[in-house]
Amino acid sequence: MLHCIFKRYKRFLPLTQRSPEHSNFWNKQYSFFQDSQEVSLPAYQPRWQTAPNSIFSRYKSLPLIQKRKGKQDTKAQPFKSPLEKEERKKETRISMTNPNPIDLPPRFQVRKLDQSHADWTKAVLAHSNLYHSPVWSKIYPDNHDGAKPARLYKFYQALHELVTTTIAEGYSYGVFDTEYRFKNPDSAATGGRVYWDDSDFNSNSNSNTNINISGEELLSQIDTPLISVALAFDGASPRDNARIYGPILGRDVLPVFAHVFAALDRADTRPEDDETRKPRGLKEVLFRAGTATRADYLGLGIARALGWWLLRKARRDDLPGDRDGDEGMGNGGMGFKRGMQVGYGHAAVERIFLDPALRREGFVGVKVAGVDLGGVEVEVEDGDGEEKKKVVRRRPFEVCGDVPCGKIFVAFC
């Protein structure tokens, strides 16, 4: 009788060697075996498991999808027990109100942005674009003469109208790190703070000592738990673009940005009167107005998770009417009918919204405009003083290389 029980127990023995949880469980359930002097169960190794070239030793290292297809891959992955898989799912599932979960560690939460987050949002957008964008970081390189930090601060100030106006519409969200550790006690007292001051960037200031401050130091002065932002507005809402974008297109900020706008508008393949291009009514198309992730949180899939989450929330209108302040939801779904438009100048954004996997969730991304940045020409005046000024055509974006630039319309199916 004991021999039969032991033979049945041998089948579970490999589980005891895969994780402490399984080992403790089986040792507790079959503790009477541990008192036996005839066998030593923890030291037992089945031959089919220890054989170096056995079918099982090769099979157990394959990913689950390859096992089902009967294919083998040279990139072997360690076998995970059901308990380990379940724990992994819990670790990679953000704690949000259903039915809109996104795959991020639980420490990250999506929340609606309000005016108290305006300065944080401006800082994340300005630093990410000027120091880490494949476009603006190349056009305005860090030449250690204080010009780039000064431009950063002017960009930070110029974003005020865009950020405050867009946040006021109520469609902008951000990802917050709930385990963020403040670097300054004053930041902890206020929930976060941006330690940028005009005297640090103004070369004419007598107190200036930081005109050559590095990008890493400037990033450390954004002492806030906000790590990623996604600004959005209703495409049919009345907006004063001259007031919103005028400061950004200033000579000391991003003057060539206007040429990118114009090139994208000319390259749009949709008719001028297309309702997805120029919506006629509210709640038709959601327009993205800016997105950025802090440099010290790149590579975690945060931009993809936030972008896809915003797609789901923009389309649905049957979400629970939960309160503002709940984890990311706030007032249920947005209820947009047609889709969302995204302008971009980064390959990552193109991968996120043209991913075929979006079709499984009822979204279809279509590239409606594409621009060769290297070929965009800008007219500038050359010569000053007594020399006669003349208009010269230049291509400032040639230094950016083959950076994808365009517009994507994600249709709601």
Foldseek 3Di string as FASTA:
>chain_A
DVVVVVVVVVVCLVVLVQDVVSVVVVCVVPVVVCPDPPDHSNVDDDPQCPPPPHPCVQQQQDDPVCVVVVDHDPPGHHHDDPVRVVVVQQQQWAPADPDQIFGHGPQKFKAQDAPVCQLLVLLQQLLCCCCPFLFNCLLDPQPQPLLSVLLSVLSSVLQNLVRNVQSVQGLKMFMFRNPADFPDPVQVVVQWDAPDDNLQRDPPHPPHDNSRPDSVVNLSSRGHRTFKIWGKHWLADDDDCCSNCVSCCDPSYNVCVVLLVVQQVVQFQDDPPDCQVRPPDTLAEMEIDGIGGRPVPPPRCPVLRVVVSSFVQSCDDPADQDDRPHRNQHRGGNNRAWFYKYWDFAVVVVCSQCPPVVVVVQKHKDFRGWDALQPRWDWDWDDDDPDDTDIDIDRSRVSSPRTTTHMMTITGD
